[in-house]
Amino acid sequence: MSDVPSPGVMRIPVRFSRTLLIRGMAIWALSRLMVQALYMVIASNSGNETAAAYTNGNPIILAGWTLVLAASLVRIDLHRRHEVALLNNLGVVTSHAILLGTVPAVVMEVVMTMFR
């Protein structure tokens, strides 16, 4: 065995972690509004039966769509701000930054589902 350590994944610096979490909160709010607006448009155009069929009567499906949309928007935001190359140069994998950016969305959706 060689004494050379294998390259590992670096932690995200605190400055970027804080920024990703704050942006994640704003992205969650935007994605939640987008999913709710889509649900309302479907409900108003086709009646409540179609809207219920859209979610199968389960509000957790709306939370799932919100999380998928939030993760997509975090990825788009990282690319739009050209931060992917910076984080990769720091040794941070893009998927870890996306996961950190979606943490506020997961927390808020869990809280909203618990109090529903």
PDB file of N, CA and C in Angstrom:
ATOM      1  N   MET A   1       0.831  -1.181   0.000  1.00  0.00           N
ATOM      2  CA  MET A   1       0.000   0.000   0.000  1.00  0.00           C
ATOM      3  C   MET A   1       0.876   1.244   0.000  1.00  0.00           C
ATOM      4  N   SER A   2       0.430   2.231  -0.682  1.00  0.00           N
ATOM      5  CA  SER A   2       1.209   3.466  -0.735  1.00  0.00           C
ATOM      6  C   SER A   2       0.790   4.383   0.405  1.00  0.00           C
ATOM      7  N   ASP A   3       1.676   5.283   0.745  1.00  0.00           N
ATOM      8  CA  ASP A   3       1.406   6.231   1.816  1.00  0.00           C
ATOM      9  C   ASP A   3       0.715   7.488   1.314  1.00  0.00           C
ATOM     10  N   VAL A   4       0.377   7.518   0.044  1.00  0.00           N
ATOM     11  CA  VAL A   4      -0.274   8.697  -0.522  1.00  0.00           C
ATOM     12  C   VAL A   4      -1.758   8.638  -0.185  1.00  0.00           C
ATOM     13  N   PRO A   5      -2.262   9.665   0.500  1.00  0.00           N
ATOM     14  CA  PRO A   5      -3.691   9.647   0.826  1.00  0.00           C
ATOM     15  C   PRO A   5      -4.539   9.835  -0.430  1.00  0.00           C
ATOM     16  N   SER A   6      -5.670   9.170  -0.440  1.00  0.00           N
ATOM     17  CA  SER A   6      -6.562   9.316  -1.596  1.00  0.00           C
ATOM     18  C   SER A   6      -7.262  10.670  -1.512  1.00  0.00           C
ATOM     19  N   PRO A   7      -7.491  11.272  -2.659  1.00  0.00           N
ATOM     20  CA  PRO A   7      -8.149  12.575  -2.632  1.00  0.00           C
ATOM     21  C   PRO A   7      -9.589  12.415  -2.160  1.00  0.00           C
ATOM     22  N   GLY A   8      -9.979  13.259  -1.270  1.00  0.00           N
ATOM     23  CA  GLY A   8     -11.335  13.198  -0.745  1.00  0.00           C
ATOM     24  C   GLY A   8     -12.121  14.435  -1.128  1.00  0.00           C
ATOM     25  N   VAL A   9     -13.342  14.417  -0.745  1.00  0.00           N
ATOM     26  CA  VAL A   9     -14.206  15.550  -1.026  1.00  0.00           C
ATOM     27  C   VAL A   9     -14.034  16.565   0.095  1.00  0.00           C
ATOM     28  N   MET A  10     -13.793  17.800  -0.292  1.00  0.00           N
ATOM     29  CA  MET A  10     -13.599  18.860   0.695  1.00  0.00           C
ATOM     30  C   MET A  10     -14.943  19.332   1.237  1.00  0.00           C
ATOM     31  N   ARG A  11     -14.906  19.851   2.437  1.00  0.00           N
ATOM     32  CA  ARG A  11     -16.105  20.457   3.005  1.00  0.00           C
ATOM     33  C   ARG A  11     -16.363  21.785   2.319  1.00  0.00           C
ATOM     34  N   ILE A  12     -17.624  22.159   2.296  1.00  0.00           N
ATOM     35  CA  ILE A  12     -17.984  23.451   1.721  1.00  0.00           C
ATOM     36  C   ILE A  12     -17.592  24.531   2.726  1.00  0.00           C
ATOM     37  N   PRO A  13     -16.856  25.549   2.294  1.00  0.00           N
ATOM     38  CA  PRO A  13     -16.470  26.616   3.223  1.00  0.00           C
ATOM     39  C   PRO A  13     -17.696  27.288   3.853  1.00  0.00           C
ATOM     40  N   VAL A  14     -17.512  27.769   5.078  1.00  0.00           N
ATOM     41  CA  VAL A  14     -18.619  28.340   5.843  1.00  0.00           C
ATOM     42  C   VAL A  14     -19.269  29.505   5.100  1.00  0.00           C
ATOM     43  N   ARG A  15     -18.474  30.314   4.467  1.00  0.00           N
ATOM     44  CA  ARG A  15     -19.014  31.472   3.746  1.00  0.00           C
ATOM     45  C   ARG A  15     -20.003  31.029   2.672  1.00  0.00           C
ATOM     46  N   PHE A  16     -19.650  29.978   1.919  1.00  0.00           N
ATOM     47  CA  PHE A  16     -20.527  29.492   0.863  1.00  0.00           C
ATOM     48  C   PHE A  16     -21.691  28.690   1.427  1.00  0.00           C
ATOM     49  N   SER A  17     -21.459  28.000   2.541  1.00  0.00           N
ATOM     50  CA  SER A  17     -22.555  27.253   3.172  1.00  0.00           C
ATOM     51  C   SER A  17     -23.670  28.190   3.603  1.00  0.00           C
ATOM     52  N   ARG A  18     -23.293  29.263   4.265  1.00  0.00           N
ATOM     53  CA  ARG A  18     -24.285  30.244   4.712  1.00  0.00           C
ATOM     54  C   ARG A  18     -25.030  30.842   3.528  1.00  0.00           C
ATOM     55  N   THR A  19     -24.295  31.170   2.478  1.00  0.00           N
ATOM     56  CA  THR A  19     -24.910  31.751   1.288  1.00  0.00           C
ATOM     57  C   THR A  19     -25.860  30.765   0.629  1.00  0.00           C
ATOM     58  N   LEU A  20     -25.456  29.498   0.523  1.00  0.00           N
ATOM     59  CA  LEU A  20     -26.321  28.490  -0.088  1.00  0.00           C
ATOM     60  C   LEU A  20     -27.586  28.265   0.729  1.00  0.00           C
ATOM     61  N   LEU A  21     -27.473  28.286   2.045  1.00  0.00           N
ATOM     62  CA  LEU A  21     -28.652  28.102   2.893  1.00  0.00           C
ATOM     63  C   LEU A  21     -29.622  29.273   2.772  1.00  0.00           C
ATOM     64  N   ILE A  22     -29.085  30.485   2.734  1.00  0.00           N
ATOM     65  CA  ILE A  22     -29.958  31.663   2.596  1.00  0.00           C
ATOM     66  C   ILE A  22     -30.629  31.663   1.231  1.00  0.00           C
ATOM     67  N   ARG A  23     -29.856  31.372   0.184  1.00  0.00           N
ATOM     68  CA  ARG A  23     -30.457  31.291  -1.151  1.00  0.00           C
ATOM     69  C   ARG A  23     -31.464  30.147  -1.227  1.00  0.00           C
ATOM     70  N   GLY A  24     -31.181  29.057  -0.524  1.00  0.00           N
ATOM     71  CA  GLY A  24     -32.092  27.919  -0.502  1.00  0.00           C
ATOM     72  C   GLY A  24     -33.442  28.273   0.077  1.00  0.00           C
ATOM     73  N   MET A  25     -33.465  29.151   1.073  1.00  0.00           N
ATOM     74  CA  MET A  25     -34.746  29.591   1.645  1.00  0.00           C
ATOM     75  C   MET A  25     -35.558  30.370   0.612  1.00  0.00           C
ATOM     76  N   ALA A  26     -34.901  31.266  -0.091  1.00  0.00           N
ATOM     77  CA  ALA A  26     -35.602  32.047  -1.119  1.00  0.00           C
ATOM     78  C   ALA A  26     -36.056  31.152  -2.266  1.00  0.00           C
ATOM     79  N   ILE A  27     -35.226  30.206  -2.653  1.00  0.00           N
ATOM     80  CA  ILE A  27     -35.591  29.291  -3.737  1.00  0.00           C
ATOM     81  C   ILE A  27     -36.749  28.399  -3.313  1.00  0.00           C
ATOM     82  N   TRP A  28     -36.772  27.967  -2.049  1.00  0.00           N
ATOM     83  CA  TRP A  28     -37.910  27.169  -1.571  1.00  0.00           C
ATOM     84  C   TRP A  28     -39.202  27.968  -1.671  1.00  0.00           C
ATOM     85  N   ALA A  29     -39.170  29.225  -1.226  1.00  0.00           N
ATOM     86  CA  ALA A  29     -40.384  30.048  -1.291  1.00  0.00           C
ATOM     87  C   ALA A  29     -40.855  30.202  -2.737  1.00  0.00           C
ATOM     88  N   LEU A  30     -39.930  30.439  -3.642  1.00  0.00           N
ATOM     89  CA  LEU A  30     -40.288  30.581  -5.052  1.00  0.00           C
ATOM     90  C   LEU A  30     -40.853  29.279  -5.618  1.00  0.00           C
ATOM     91  N   SER A  31     -40.208  28.170  -5.324  1.00  0.00           N
ATOM     92  CA  SER A  31     -40.689  26.898  -5.859  1.00  0.00           C
ATOM     93  C   SER A  31     -42.026  26.505  -5.247  1.00  0.00           C
ATOM     94  N   ARG A  32     -42.237  26.816  -3.973  1.00  0.00           N
ATOM     95  CA  ARG A  32     -43.536  26.521  -3.337  1.00  0.00           C
ATOM     96  C   ARG A  32     -44.640  27.340  -3.993  1.00  0.00           C
ATOM     97  N   LEU A  33     -44.370  28.615  -4.259  1.00  0.00           N
ATOM     98  CA  LEU A  33     -45.364  29.447  -4.941  1.00  0.00           C
ATOM     99  C   LEU A  33     -45.648  28.941  -6.353  1.00  0.00           C
ATOM    100  N   MET A  34     -44.617  28.497  -7.053  1.00  0.00           N
ATOM    101  CA  MET A  34     -44.814  27.992  -8.414  1.00  0.00           C
ATOM    102  C   MET A  34     -45.671  26.727  -8.422  1.00  0.00           C
ATOM    103  N   VAL A  35     -45.414  25.809  -7.502  1.00  0.00           N
ATOM    104  CA  VAL A  35     -46.188  24.571  -7.445  1.00  0.00           C
ATOM    105  C   VAL A  35     -47.625  24.863  -7.022  1.00  0.00           C
ATOM    106  N   GLN A  36     -47.810  25.755  -6.053  1.00  0.00           N
ATOM    107  CA  GLN A  36     -49.176  26.107  -5.630  1.00  0.00           C
ATOM    108  C   GLN A  36     -49.934  26.792  -6.755  1.00  0.00           C
ATOM    109  N   ALA A  37     -49.267  27.661  -7.497  1.00  0.00           N
ATOM    110  CA  ALA A  37     -49.925  28.334  -8.619  1.00  0.00           C
ATOM    111  C   ALA A  37     -50.332  27.323  -9.683  1.00  0.00           C
ATOM    112  N   LEU A  38     -49.477  26.371  -9.981  1.00  0.00           N
ATOM    113  CA  LEU A  38     -49.817  25.337 -10.950  1.00  0.00           C
ATOM    114  C   LEU A  38     -51.011  24.520 -10.474  1.00  0.00           C
ATOM    115  N   TYR A  39     -51.027  24.165  -9.209  1.00  0.00           N
ATOM    116  CA  TYR A  39     -52.142  23.405  -8.644  1.00  0.00           C
ATOM    117  C   TYR A  39     -53.440  24.202  -8.725  1.00  0.00           C
ATOM    118  N   MET A  40     -53.369  25.491  -8.425  1.00  0.00           N
ATOM    119  CA  MET A  40     -54.571  26.329  -8.493  1.00  0.00           C
ATOM    120  C   MET A  40     -55.073  26.482  -9.925  1.00  0.00           C
ATOM    121  N   VAL A  41     -54.175  26.611 -10.887  1.00  0.00           N
ATOM    122  CA  VAL A  41     -54.588  26.715 -12.289  1.00  0.00           C
ATOM    123  C   VAL A  41     -55.280  25.432 -12.729  1.00  0.00           C
ATOM    124  N   ILE A  42     -54.725  24.296 -12.344  1.00  0.00           N
ATOM    125  CA  ILE A  42     -55.351  23.024 -12.701  1.00  0.00           C
ATOM    126  C   ILE A  42     -56.712  22.903 -12.036  1.00  0.00           C
ATOM    127  N   ALA A  43     -56.807  23.307 -10.775  1.00  0.00           N
ATOM    128  CA  ALA A  43     -58.084  23.205 -10.054  1.00  0.00           C
ATOM    129  C   ALA A  43     -59.133  24.152 -10.626  1.00  0.00           C
ATOM    130  N   SER A  44     -58.723  25.343 -11.030  1.00  0.00           N
ATOM    131  CA  SER A  44     -59.716  26.306 -11.520  1.00  0.00           C
ATOM    132  C   SER A  44     -60.186  25.979 -12.933  1.00  0.00           C
ATOM    133  N   ASN A  45     -59.323  25.426 -13.761  1.00  0.00           N
ATOM    134  CA  ASN A  45     -59.703  25.125 -15.141  1.00  0.00           C
ATOM    135  C   ASN A  45     -60.513  23.848 -15.271  1.00  0.00           C
ATOM    136  N   SER A  46     -60.209  22.865 -14.458  1.00  0.00           N
ATOM    137  CA  SER A  46     -60.814  21.554 -14.669  1.00  0.00           C
ATOM    138  C   SER A  46     -61.695  21.081 -13.527  1.00  0.00           C
ATOM    139  N   GLY A  47     -61.804  21.837 -12.492  1.00  0.00           N
ATOM    140  CA  GLY A  47     -62.590  21.395 -11.343  1.00  0.00           C
ATOM    141  C   GLY A  47     -61.721  20.676 -10.329  1.00  0.00           C
ATOM    142  N   ASN A  48     -62.300  20.454  -9.187  1.00  0.00           N
ATOM    143  CA  ASN A  48     -61.540  19.849  -8.088  1.00  0.00           C
ATOM    144  C   ASN A  48     -61.190  18.392  -8.352  1.00  0.00           C
ATOM    145  N   GLU A  49     -61.972  17.684  -9.180  1.00  0.00           N
ATOM    146  CA  GLU A  49     -61.678  16.273  -9.433  1.00  0.00           C
ATOM    147  C   GLU A  49     -60.320  16.103 -10.125  1.00  0.00           C
ATOM    148  N   THR A  50     -60.060  16.972 -11.101  1.00  0.00           N
ATOM    149  CA  THR A  50     -58.786  16.873 -11.818  1.00  0.00           C
ATOM    150  C   THR A  50     -57.630  17.277 -10.903  1.00  0.00           C
ATOM    151  N   ALA A  51     -57.839  18.290 -10.085  1.00  0.00           N
ATOM    152  CA  ALA A  51     -56.779  18.712  -9.169  1.00  0.00           C
ATOM    153  C   ALA A  51     -56.498  17.622  -8.144  1.00  0.00           C
ATOM    154  N   ALA A  52     -57.554  16.944  -7.682  1.00  0.00           N
ATOM    155  CA  ALA A  52     -57.349  15.843  -6.747  1.00  0.00           C
ATOM    156  C   ALA A  52     -56.647  14.682  -7.442  1.00  0.00           C
ATOM    157  N   ALA A  53     -56.949  14.474  -8.715  1.00  0.00           N
ATOM    158  CA  ALA A  53     -56.267  13.415  -9.462  1.00  0.00           C
ATOM    159  C   ALA A  53     -54.799  13.765  -9.678  1.00  0.00           C
ATOM    160  N   TYR A  54     -54.508  15.054  -9.799  1.00  0.00           N
ATOM    161  CA  TYR A  54     -53.127  15.514  -9.988  1.00  0.00           C
ATOM    162  C   TYR A  54     -52.263  15.127  -8.796  1.00  0.00           C
ATOM    163  N   THR A  55     -52.832  15.174  -7.605  1.00  0.00           N
ATOM    164  CA  THR A  55     -52.082  14.838  -6.397  1.00  0.00           C
ATOM    165  C   THR A  55     -52.521  13.522  -5.784  1.00  0.00           C
ATOM    166  N   ASN A  56     -53.467  12.842  -6.410  1.00  0.00           N
ATOM    167  CA  ASN A  56     -54.026  11.603  -5.856  1.00  0.00           C
ATOM    168  C   ASN A  56     -54.576  11.827  -4.452  1.00  0.00           C
ATOM    169  N   GLY A  57     -55.029  13.047  -4.170  1.00  0.00           N
ATOM    170  CA  GLY A  57     -55.576  13.373  -2.858  1.00  0.00           C
ATOM    171  C   GLY A  57     -54.538  13.440  -1.757  1.00  0.00           C
ATOM    172  N   ASN A  58     -53.280  13.497  -2.105  1.00  0.00           N
ATOM    173  CA  ASN A  58     -52.203  13.453  -1.125  1.00  0.00           C
ATOM    174  C   ASN A  58     -51.360  14.719  -1.225  1.00  0.00           C
ATOM    175  N   PRO A  59     -51.341  15.553  -0.171  1.00  0.00           N
ATOM    176  CA  PRO A  59     -50.542  16.784  -0.241  1.00  0.00           C
ATOM    177  C   PRO A  59     -49.042  16.542  -0.217  1.00  0.00           C
ATOM    178  N   ILE A  60     -48.617  15.332   0.117  1.00  0.00           N
ATOM    179  CA  ILE A  60     -47.185  15.043   0.129  1.00  0.00           C
ATOM    180  C   ILE A  60     -46.633  15.056  -1.293  1.00  0.00           C
ATOM    181  N   ILE A  61     -47.480  14.774  -2.271  1.00  0.00           N
ATOM    182  CA  ILE A  61     -47.020  14.817  -3.664  1.00  0.00           C
ATOM    183  C   ILE A  61     -46.649  16.254  -4.042  1.00  0.00           C
ATOM    184  N   LEU A  62     -47.422  17.233  -3.551  1.00  0.00           N
ATOM    185  CA  LEU A  62     -47.060  18.636  -3.796  1.00  0.00           C
ATOM    186  C   LEU A  62     -45.714  18.965  -3.159  1.00  0.00           C
ATOM    187  N   ALA A  63     -45.480  18.430  -1.973  1.00  0.00           N
ATOM    188  CA  ALA A  63     -44.192  18.660  -1.309  1.00  0.00           C
ATOM    189  C   ALA A  63     -43.061  18.030  -2.112  1.00  0.00           C
ATOM    190  N   GLY A  64     -43.309  16.857  -2.674  1.00  0.00           N
ATOM    191  CA  GLY A  64     -42.294  16.202  -3.496  1.00  0.00           C
ATOM    192  C   GLY A  64     -41.958  17.005  -4.741  1.00  0.00           C
ATOM    193  N   TRP A  65     -42.994  17.517  -5.419  1.00  0.00           N
ATOM    194  CA  TRP A  65     -42.749  18.354  -6.595  1.00  0.00           C
ATOM    195  C   TRP A  65     -42.018  19.631  -6.212  1.00  0.00           C
ATOM    196  N   THR A  66     -42.335  20.164  -5.039  1.00  0.00           N
ATOM    197  CA  THR A  66     -41.642  21.369  -4.580  1.00  0.00           C
ATOM    198  C   THR A  66     -40.164  21.092  -4.358  1.00  0.00           C
ATOM    199  N   LEU A  67     -39.842  19.944  -3.774  1.00  0.00           N
ATOM    200  CA  LEU A  67     -38.440  19.602  -3.528  1.00  0.00           C
ATOM    201  C   LEU A  67     -37.677  19.369  -4.829  1.00  0.00           C
ATOM    202  N   VAL A  68     -38.321  18.716  -5.784  1.00  0.00           N
ATOM    203  CA  VAL A  68     -37.672  18.489  -7.079  1.00  0.00           C
ATOM    204  C   VAL A  68     -37.406  19.820  -7.767  1.00  0.00           C
ATOM    205  N   LEU A  69     -38.400  20.700  -7.747  1.00  0.00           N
ATOM    206  CA  LEU A  69     -38.235  22.009  -8.372  1.00  0.00           C
ATOM    207  C   LEU A  69     -37.169  22.831  -7.653  1.00  0.00           C
ATOM    208  N   ALA A  70     -37.135  22.766  -6.319  1.00  0.00           N
ATOM    209  CA  ALA A  70     -36.134  23.517  -5.563  1.00  0.00           C
ATOM    210  C   ALA A  70     -34.723  23.042  -5.890  1.00  0.00           C
ATOM    211  N   ALA A  71     -34.529  21.730  -5.983  1.00  0.00           N
ATOM    212  CA  ALA A  71     -33.202  21.209  -6.325  1.00  0.00           C
ATOM    213  C   ALA A  71     -32.790  21.656  -7.726  1.00  0.00           C
ATOM    214  N   SER A  72     -33.740  21.649  -8.647  1.00  0.00           N
ATOM    215  CA  SER A  72     -33.432  22.101 -10.013  1.00  0.00           C
ATOM    216  C   SER A  72     -33.065  23.579 -10.033  1.00  0.00           C
ATOM    217  N   LEU A  73     -33.811  24.380  -9.277  1.00  0.00           N
ATOM    218  CA  LEU A  73     -33.538  25.818  -9.245  1.00  0.00           C
ATOM    219  C   LEU A  73     -32.202  26.123  -8.565  1.00  0.00           C
ATOM    220  N   VAL A  74     -31.827  25.347  -7.551  1.00  0.00           N
ATOM    221  CA  VAL A  74     -30.522  25.543  -6.910  1.00  0.00           C
ATOM    222  C   VAL A  74     -29.411  25.254  -7.911  1.00  0.00           C
ATOM    223  N   ARG A  75     -29.563  24.180  -8.683  1.00  0.00           N
ATOM    224  CA  ARG A  75     -28.546  23.854  -9.693  1.00  0.00           C
ATOM    225  C   ARG A  75     -28.453  24.953 -10.750  1.00  0.00           C
ATOM    226  N   ILE A  76     -29.603  25.424 -11.215  1.00  0.00           N
ATOM    227  CA  ILE A  76     -29.610  26.507 -12.204  1.00  0.00           C
ATOM    228  C   ILE A  76     -28.960  27.761 -11.629  1.00  0.00           C
ATOM    229  N   ASP A  77     -29.247  28.055 -10.354  1.00  0.00           N
ATOM    230  CA  ASP A  77     -28.674  29.245  -9.723  1.00  0.00           C
ATOM    231  C   ASP A  77     -27.157  29.129  -9.602  1.00  0.00           C
ATOM    232  N   LEU A  78     -26.658  27.955  -9.252  1.00  0.00           N
ATOM    233  CA  LEU A  78     -25.207  27.768  -9.161  1.00  0.00           C
ATOM    234  C   LEU A  78     -24.543  27.963 -10.515  1.00  0.00           C
ATOM    235  N   HIS A  79     -25.158  27.449 -11.558  1.00  0.00           N
ATOM    236  CA  HIS A  79     -24.580  27.620 -12.897  1.00  0.00           C
ATOM    237  C   HIS A  79     -24.716  29.057 -13.378  1.00  0.00           C
ATOM    238  N   ARG A  80     -25.829  29.687 -13.051  1.00  0.00           N
ATOM    239  CA  ARG A  80     -26.050  31.067 -13.499  1.00  0.00           C
ATOM    240  C   ARG A  80     -25.031  32.009 -12.879  1.00  0.00           C
ATOM    241  N   ARG A  81     -24.666  31.754 -11.641  1.00  0.00           N
ATOM    242  CA  ARG A  81     -23.699  32.615 -10.953  1.00  0.00           C
ATOM    243  C   ARG A  81     -22.257  32.179 -11.185  1.00  0.00           C
ATOM    244  N   HIS A  82     -22.052  31.155 -11.993  1.00  0.00           N
ATOM    245  CA  HIS A  82     -20.713  30.624 -12.301  1.00  0.00           C
ATOM    246  C   HIS A  82     -19.968  30.201 -11.033  1.00  0.00           C
ATOM    247  N   GLU A  83     -20.686  29.620 -10.091  1.00  0.00           N
ATOM    248  CA  GLU A  83     -20.065  29.181  -8.846  1.00  0.00           C
ATOM    249  C   GLU A  83     -19.659  27.717  -8.880  1.00  0.00           C
ATOM    250  N   VAL A  84     -20.094  26.993  -9.885  1.00  0.00           N
ATOM    251  CA  VAL A  84     -19.747  25.573  -9.964  1.00  0.00           C
ATOM    252  C   VAL A  84     -18.243  25.403 -10.122  1.00  0.00           C
ATOM    253  N   ALA A  85     -17.640  26.186 -11.005  1.00  0.00           N
ATOM    254  CA  ALA A  85     -16.191  26.086 -11.222  1.00  0.00           C
ATOM    255  C   ALA A  85     -15.426  26.472  -9.951  1.00  0.00           C
ATOM    256  N   LEU A  86     -15.896  27.507  -9.264  1.00  0.00           N
ATOM    257  CA  LEU A  86     -15.240  27.928  -8.023  1.00  0.00           C
ATOM    258  C   LEU A  86     -15.306  26.827  -6.975  1.00  0.00           C
ATOM    259  N   LEU A  87     -16.496  26.256  -6.783  1.00  0.00           N
ATOM    260  CA  LEU A  87     -16.633  25.202  -5.782  1.00  0.00           C
ATOM    261  C   LEU A  87     -15.847  23.959  -6.180  1.00  0.00           C
ATOM    262  N   ASN A  88     -15.814  23.639  -7.474  1.00  0.00           N
ATOM    263  CA  ASN A  88     -15.019  22.497  -7.921  1.00  0.00           C
ATOM    264  C   ASN A  88     -13.528  22.741  -7.699  1.00  0.00           C
ATOM    265  N   ASN A  89     -13.075  23.969  -7.887  1.00  0.00           N
ATOM    266  CA  ASN A  89     -11.671  24.295  -7.617  1.00  0.00           C
ATOM    267  C   ASN A  89     -11.351  24.187  -6.131  1.00  0.00           C
ATOM    268  N   LEU A  90     -12.355  24.393  -5.279  1.00  0.00           N
ATOM    269  CA  LEU A  90     -12.162  24.235  -3.836  1.00  0.00           C
ATOM    270  C   LEU A  90     -12.282  22.777  -3.405  1.00  0.00           C
ATOM    271  N   GLY A  91     -12.596  21.889  -4.354  1.00  0.00           N
ATOM    272  CA  GLY A  91     -12.711  20.470  -4.042  1.00  0.00           C
ATOM    273  C   GLY A  91     -14.105  20.043  -3.641  1.00  0.00           C
ATOM    274  N   VAL A  92     -15.086  20.881  -3.885  1.00  0.00           N
ATOM    275  CA  VAL A  92     -16.466  20.585  -3.510  1.00  0.00           C
ATOM    276  C   VAL A  92     -17.189  20.028  -4.729  1.00  0.00           C
ATOM    277  N   VAL A  93     -17.835  18.902  -4.547  1.00  0.00           N
ATOM    278  CA  VAL A  93     -18.603  18.289  -5.621  1.00  0.00           C
ATOM    279  C   VAL A  93     -19.917  19.067  -5.775  1.00  0.00           C
ATOM    280  N   THR A  94     -20.345  19.244  -7.007  1.00  0.00           N
ATOM    281  CA  THR A  94     -21.545  20.038  -7.286  1.00  0.00           C
ATOM    282  C   THR A  94     -22.778  19.454  -6.601  1.00  0.00           C
ATOM    283  N   SER A  95     -22.880  18.147  -6.568  1.00  0.00           N
ATOM    284  CA  SER A  95     -24.060  17.535  -5.949  1.00  0.00           C
ATOM    285  C   SER A  95     -24.142  17.841  -4.453  1.00  0.00           C
ATOM    286  N   HIS A  96     -23.003  17.995  -3.789  1.00  0.00           N
ATOM    287  CA  HIS A  96     -23.032  18.353  -2.370  1.00  0.00           C
ATOM    288  C   HIS A  96     -23.531  19.781  -2.178  1.00  0.00           C
ATOM    289  N   ALA A  97     -23.150  20.667  -3.065  1.00  0.00           N
ATOM    290  CA  ALA A  97     -23.638  22.047  -2.983  1.00  0.00           C
ATOM    291  C   ALA A  97     -25.141  22.098  -3.249  1.00  0.00           C
ATOM    292  N   ILE A  98     -25.609  21.286  -4.186  1.00  0.00           N
ATOM    293  CA  ILE A  98     -27.045  21.255  -4.472  1.00  0.00           C
ATOM    294  C   ILE A  98     -27.806  20.694  -3.277  1.00  0.00           C
ATOM    295  N   LEU A  99     -27.274  19.648  -2.663  1.00  0.00           N
ATOM    296  CA  LEU A  99     -27.928  19.092  -1.472  1.00  0.00           C
ATOM    297  C   LEU A  99     -27.988  20.112  -0.338  1.00  0.00           C
ATOM    298  N   LEU A 100     -26.908  20.850  -0.135  1.00  0.00           N
ATOM    299  CA  LEU A 100     -26.900  21.865   0.913  1.00  0.00           C
ATOM    300  C   LEU A 100     -27.910  22.969   0.599  1.00  0.00           C
ATOM    301  N   GLY A 101     -28.051  23.325  -0.670  1.00  0.00           N
ATOM    302  CA  GLY A 101     -29.005  24.356  -1.049  1.00  0.00           C
ATOM    303  C   GLY A 101     -30.452  23.924  -0.902  1.00  0.00           C
ATOM    304  N   THR A 102     -30.713  22.615  -0.932  1.00  0.00           N
ATOM    305  CA  THR A 102     -32.090  22.144  -0.783  1.00  0.00           C
ATOM    306  C   THR A 102     -32.453  21.796   0.651  1.00  0.00           C
ATOM    307  N   VAL A 103     -31.519  21.889   1.574  1.00  0.00           N
ATOM    308  CA  VAL A 103     -31.819  21.602   2.985  1.00  0.00           C
ATOM    309  C   VAL A 103     -32.950  22.488   3.520  1.00  0.00           C
ATOM    310  N   PRO A 104     -32.964  23.805   3.267  1.00  0.00           N
ATOM    311  CA  PRO A 104     -34.092  24.609   3.766  1.00  0.00           C
ATOM    312  C   PRO A 104     -35.438  24.151   3.196  1.00  0.00           C
ATOM    313  N   ALA A 105     -35.455  23.713   1.939  1.00  0.00           N
ATOM    314  CA  ALA A 105     -36.705  23.241   1.332  1.00  0.00           C
ATOM    315  C   ALA A 105     -37.185  21.974   2.026  1.00  0.00           C
ATOM    316  N   VAL A 106     -36.272  21.066   2.311  1.00  0.00           N
ATOM    317  CA  VAL A 106     -36.654  19.824   2.988  1.00  0.00           C
ATOM    318  C   VAL A 106     -37.190  20.121   4.383  1.00  0.00           C
ATOM    319  N   VAL A 107     -36.496  20.970   5.111  1.00  0.00           N
ATOM    320  CA  VAL A 107     -36.924  21.301   6.469  1.00  0.00           C
ATOM    321  C   VAL A 107     -38.298  21.968   6.458  1.00  0.00           C
ATOM    322  N   MET A 108     -38.501  22.928   5.579  1.00  0.00           N
ATOM    323  CA  MET A 108     -39.787  23.638   5.548  1.00  0.00           C
ATOM    324  C   MET A 108     -40.921  22.735   5.076  1.00  0.00           C
ATOM    325  N   GLU A 109     -40.670  21.861   4.129  1.00  0.00           N
ATOM    326  CA  GLU A 109     -41.719  20.945   3.673  1.00  0.00           C
ATOM    327  C   GLU A 109     -42.081  19.936   4.757  1.00  0.00           C
ATOM    328  N   VAL A 110     -41.099  19.458   5.511  1.00  0.00           N
ATOM    329  CA  VAL A 110     -41.393  18.548   6.624  1.00  0.00           C
ATOM    330  C   VAL A 110     -42.219  19.262   7.684  1.00  0.00           C
ATOM    331  N   VAL A 111     -41.844  20.489   8.010  1.00  0.00           N
ATOM    332  CA  VAL A 111     -42.600  21.258   9.007  1.00  0.00           C
ATOM    333  C   VAL A 111     -44.023  21.511   8.527  1.00  0.00           C
ATOM    334  N   MET A 112     -44.171  21.881   7.261  1.00  0.00           N
ATOM    335  CA  MET A 112     -45.512  22.141   6.736  1.00  0.00           C
ATOM    336  C   MET A 112     -46.360  20.871   6.682  1.00  0.00           C
ATOM    337  N   THR A 113     -45.735  19.740   6.391  1.00  0.00           N
ATOM    338  CA  THR A 113     -46.472  18.472   6.367  1.00  0.00           C
ATOM    339  C   THR A 113     -46.869  18.042   7.773  1.00  0.00           C
ATOM    340  N   MET A 114     -46.026  18.308   8.759  1.00  0.00           N
ATOM    341  CA  MET A 114     -46.352  17.947  10.137  1.00  0.00           C
ATOM    342  C   MET A 114     -47.529  18.766  10.668  1.00  0.00           C
ATOM    343  N   PHE A 115     -47.615  20.022  10.297  1.00  0.00           N
ATOM    344  CA  PHE A 115     -48.669  20.883  10.826  1.00  0.00           C
ATOM    345  C   PHE A 115     -49.901  20.925   9.946  1.00  0.00           C
ATOM    346  N   ARG A 116     -49.953  20.120   8.925  1.00  0.00           N
ATOM    347  CA  ARG A 116     -51.114  20.079   8.034  1.00  0.00           C
ATOM    348  C   ARG A 116     -52.228  19.291   8.639  1.00  0.00           C
TER     349      ARG A 116
END
